[in-house]
């Protein structure tokens, strides 16, 4: 049985300014791209744009890691 390779994914989404633990994932892109999405550091309305890299087997696993990361108090930051 072959083991799947872990790769880096960049998760992009919106974090709620009301409850920083809420993350609304907009997309998961293969590769380490947080340096390329600097423009996402601005905020809009009641949300802050957010991006972070995660090592995972697939895009869904990276999204799950991002959501779990933001569930931890005050950890959902750049």
C-alpha atoms as a PDB file:
ATOM      1  CA  UNK A   1       0.000   0.000   0.000  1.00  0.00           C
ATOM      2  CA  UNK A   2       1.391   3.371  -1.031  1.00  0.00           C
ATOM      3  CA  UNK A   3       1.365   6.281   1.403  1.00  0.00           C
ATOM      4  CA  UNK A   4      -0.018   9.571   0.140  1.00  0.00           C
ATOM      5  CA  UNK A   5       2.413  12.471  -0.048  1.00  0.00           C
ATOM      6  CA  UNK A   6       1.927  15.464   2.202  1.00  0.00           C
ATOM      7  CA  UNK A   7       2.018  18.796   0.412  1.00  0.00           C
ATOM      8  CA  UNK A   8       1.569  22.444   1.314  1.00  0.00           C
ATOM      9  CA  UNK A   9      -1.779  24.141   0.678  1.00  0.00           C
ATOM     10  CA  UNK A  10      -2.744  27.787   1.152  1.00  0.00           C
ATOM     11  CA  UNK A  11      -6.192  28.213   2.701  1.00  0.00           C
ATOM     12  CA  UNK A  12      -7.896  31.544   1.953  1.00  0.00           C
ATOM     13  CA  UNK A  13     -11.038  32.771   3.665  1.00  0.00           C
ATOM     14  CA  UNK A  14     -12.829  35.345   5.764  1.00  0.00           C
ATOM     15  CA  UNK A  15     -12.613  35.502   9.547  1.00  0.00           C
ATOM     16  CA  UNK A  16     -15.548  36.975  11.431  1.00  0.00           C
ATOM     17  CA  UNK A  17     -14.708  40.125  13.396  1.00  0.00           C
ATOM     18  CA  UNK A  18     -17.563  39.291  15.793  1.00  0.00           C
ATOM     19  CA  UNK A  19     -16.240  35.821  16.688  1.00  0.00           C
ATOM     20  CA  UNK A  20     -12.630  35.321  15.613  1.00  0.00           C
ATOM     21  CA  UNK A  21     -13.108  31.541  15.822  1.00  0.00           C
ATOM     22  CA  UNK A  22     -15.422  31.655  12.782  1.00  0.00           C
ATOM     23  CA  UNK A  23     -13.604  31.036   9.516  1.00  0.00           C
ATOM     24  CA  UNK A  24     -15.451  31.024   6.215  1.00  0.00           C
ATOM     25  CA  UNK A  25     -13.167  29.234   3.762  1.00  0.00           C
ATOM     26  CA  UNK A  26     -13.218  30.666   0.240  1.00  0.00           C
ATOM     27  CA  UNK A  27     -10.649  28.386  -1.332  1.00  0.00           C
ATOM     28  CA  UNK A  28      -7.685  26.064  -0.952  1.00  0.00           C
ATOM     29  CA  UNK A  29      -4.792  26.473  -3.384  1.00  0.00           C
ATOM     30  CA  UNK A  30      -1.918  23.987  -3.780  1.00  0.00           C
ATOM     31  CA  UNK A  31       1.420  25.487  -2.827  1.00  0.00           C
ATOM     32  CA  UNK A  32       2.861  27.942  -0.299  1.00  0.00           C
ATOM     33  CA  UNK A  33       1.289  31.191  -1.512  1.00  0.00           C
ATOM     34  CA  UNK A  34       0.659  33.360   1.575  1.00  0.00           C
ATOM     35  CA  UNK A  35       3.435  35.732   0.453  1.00  0.00           C
ATOM     36  CA  UNK A  36       1.570  36.178  -2.832  1.00  0.00           C
ATOM     37  CA  UNK A  37      -1.726  37.188  -1.163  1.00  0.00           C
ATOM     38  CA  UNK A  38      -0.464  40.178   0.847  1.00  0.00           C
ATOM     39  CA  UNK A  39      -3.433  42.185  -0.414  1.00  0.00           C
ATOM     40  CA  UNK A  40      -5.646  39.958   1.730  1.00  0.00           C
ATOM     41  CA  UNK A  41      -4.400  41.696   4.874  1.00  0.00           C
ATOM     42  CA  UNK A  42      -7.101  44.355   4.494  1.00  0.00           C
ATOM     43  CA  UNK A  43     -10.530  43.971   6.057  1.00  0.00           C
ATOM     44  CA  UNK A  44     -14.018  44.574   4.782  1.00  0.00           C
ATOM     45  CA  UNK A  45     -17.236  45.098   6.698  1.00  0.00           C
ATOM     46  CA  UNK A  46     -17.478  42.643   9.567  1.00  0.00           C
ATOM     47  CA  UNK A  47     -14.888  40.251   8.182  1.00  0.00           C
ATOM     48  CA  UNK A  48     -11.116  40.153   7.934  1.00  0.00           C
ATOM     49  CA  UNK A  49      -9.536  38.492   4.925  1.00  0.00           C
ATOM     50  CA  UNK A  50      -7.297  35.611   5.960  1.00  0.00           C
ATOM     51  CA  UNK A  51      -4.736  33.199   4.451  1.00  0.00           C
ATOM     52  CA  UNK A  52      -2.460  30.580   6.010  1.00  0.00           C
ATOM     53  CA  UNK A  53      -0.424  27.596   4.826  1.00  0.00           C
ATOM     54  CA  UNK A  54      -0.994  24.030   6.032  1.00  0.00           C
ATOM     55  CA  UNK A  55       0.722  20.738   5.226  1.00  0.00           C
ATOM     56  CA  UNK A  56      -1.865  18.085   4.427  1.00  0.00           C
ATOM     57  CA  UNK A  57      -2.621  15.069   2.253  1.00  0.00           C
ATOM     58  CA  UNK A  58      -5.297  16.923   0.265  1.00  0.00           C
ATOM     59  CA  UNK A  59      -7.188  20.210   0.017  1.00  0.00           C
ATOM     60  CA  UNK A  60     -10.063  19.041   2.231  1.00  0.00           C
ATOM     61  CA  UNK A  61      -7.646  18.071   5.012  1.00  0.00           C
ATOM     62  CA  UNK A  62      -5.951  21.473   4.753  1.00  0.00           C
ATOM     63  CA  UNK A  63      -9.339  23.198   5.064  1.00  0.00           C
ATOM     64  CA  UNK A  64     -10.170  21.080   8.123  1.00  0.00           C
ATOM     65  CA  UNK A  65      -6.836  22.041   9.709  1.00  0.00           C
ATOM     66  CA  UNK A  66      -7.505  25.736   9.049  1.00  0.00           C
ATOM     67  CA  UNK A  67     -10.962  25.551  10.605  1.00  0.00           C
ATOM     68  CA  UNK A  68      -9.619  23.680  13.656  1.00  0.00           C
ATOM     69  CA  UNK A  69      -6.754  26.176  13.971  1.00  0.00           C
ATOM     70  CA  UNK A  70      -9.226  29.065  14.182  1.00  0.00           C
ATOM     71  CA  UNK A  71     -11.342  27.288  16.772  1.00  0.00           C
ATOM     72  CA  UNK A  72      -8.482  27.760  19.232  1.00  0.00           C
ATOM     73  CA  UNK A  73      -8.852  31.067  21.079  1.00  0.00           C
ATOM     74  CA  UNK A  74      -6.851  33.942  19.498  1.00  0.00           C
ATOM     75  CA  UNK A  75      -4.942  31.645  17.131  1.00  0.00           C
ATOM     76  CA  UNK A  76      -6.591  32.675  13.885  1.00  0.00           C
ATOM     77  CA  UNK A  77      -4.114  35.323  12.811  1.00  0.00           C
ATOM     78  CA  UNK A  78      -1.354  35.864  10.264  1.00  0.00           C
END
